[in-house]
Amino acid sequence: MKGRLRVANFVIWLGLALGVVVAAGAIFLGVNPRQAFRAIASSEMLRTDGADLYLLTRGTRRDAPVILWLHGGPGGAEGPLFRLFNGALETDFVVAYWDQRGAGRSYSADADPARLTVAQHLEDLDLVVDHLRAKFGADKIALIGHSWGSALGLLYARRHPEKVAAFVGVGQFVSGIEGQRAQYSFVDTEARRMGDRTALTELAAIGPPPYSASNGLRAQDLVDRFGGYFHSRPSFLMTILRGICGGYIAPWEIWKFIHANNVSLQAMNDEISQLDLRLSAPSVDAPVIFMLGRHDRHVDSRIAAAYFEQLQAPRKALIWFEGAAHNIPFEQPELFNLRVTQALHGLETRIGR
């Protein structure tokens, strides 16, 4: 009997001690202790057919509306960057960061690259969405897709509108081949205007679209040279240092992330080049918000704006970022976080529990 009492007392005191530690840590970090007990910070691997999918979920209130980030690429796991630049969203939302099949921490050297298809990514996304809906008791969640992720998210919202509270397309992809043609025209025009013979020589060596995966990256570099990929560029070195020191990514993971990105780009290049949302997603039965950089010539925001006008949806909004190109979340992070919060709170009845 005394042994049981000792165990019971130990459990009680351990619980009190843990409570004090959590409360003290919350106060030190400027967080309400009550909120600390409602916070969520979990990482997990979701097992699916032929892959383990990495999912990180964070938020100060586990009963807040749920957002799922869909990174670009394909294969460009941007979770560490989203956390670094846009982590403030975790104050108002439960934010889920998913490394897609073949990307980032979901990459496996043993996996078959032939499994990297649009259809497979849509199946994987459905698994992740259902997992989050069940975990947090949410009928619907919001999707934020960047670049390639914006194509994935819009296709998913068209297929499963009953699970999507709202879709936010950032640097919205529309057409692979038309985007490449716009890149070529942009670089050619800007290089001639500025008398950049080196750029013209490089462009001639790449040739006109369609591009291979490697030439697509070379064209992206040329677009970036003239401000069409980043218009307001954060310091690359400081971003790496902050990411490592903040625990968002380990130094030895960086090469893996880059390699995984290249594998996905190579595997999906032909399919992405032929993808055209004007044909595959002319309408979506869920609220749609496009966030476009005025200077974006990587996917060309003018093409996205024209598609937005044609797109049929029950509710639409187009938000321009005048100081950004393709990478709005990293170029104008404070304004981006504010606009996302405002847009999704306006749909609170759809996202709420």
Foldseek 3Di string as FASTA:
>chain_A
DVVVVVVVVVVVVVVVVVLVVQCVVCVVVVHHSVLSVQWDWDWAWDDDVQWTKIKTKTASHLQAFEEEEQEAQVQQQCQLVCCVQPVVLRDRYTYMRIRFCLHFPGNDPPGDLLCLELVNRLVVVVVVLVVSCVVSVWQAHAYEYAHRGLVSQLLNLQVCVRHHQEYEYALHAFAQQVLQQLLLVVLVVVCVVVVPVVSVVLSVVQPGDDGALVSLVVSVVSCVVVCQAWLQDDDPVVSVVCSCVVVSDPPVSPVVRVVSSSSSCNSCVVVRNGDGCVVSQQEGAHEYEYEAEPRHSNSDVVVVVVSQVRYHYPHYYYHYDDRTHRCCCNRPVVVVSVVVVVVVVVSCVSRHD
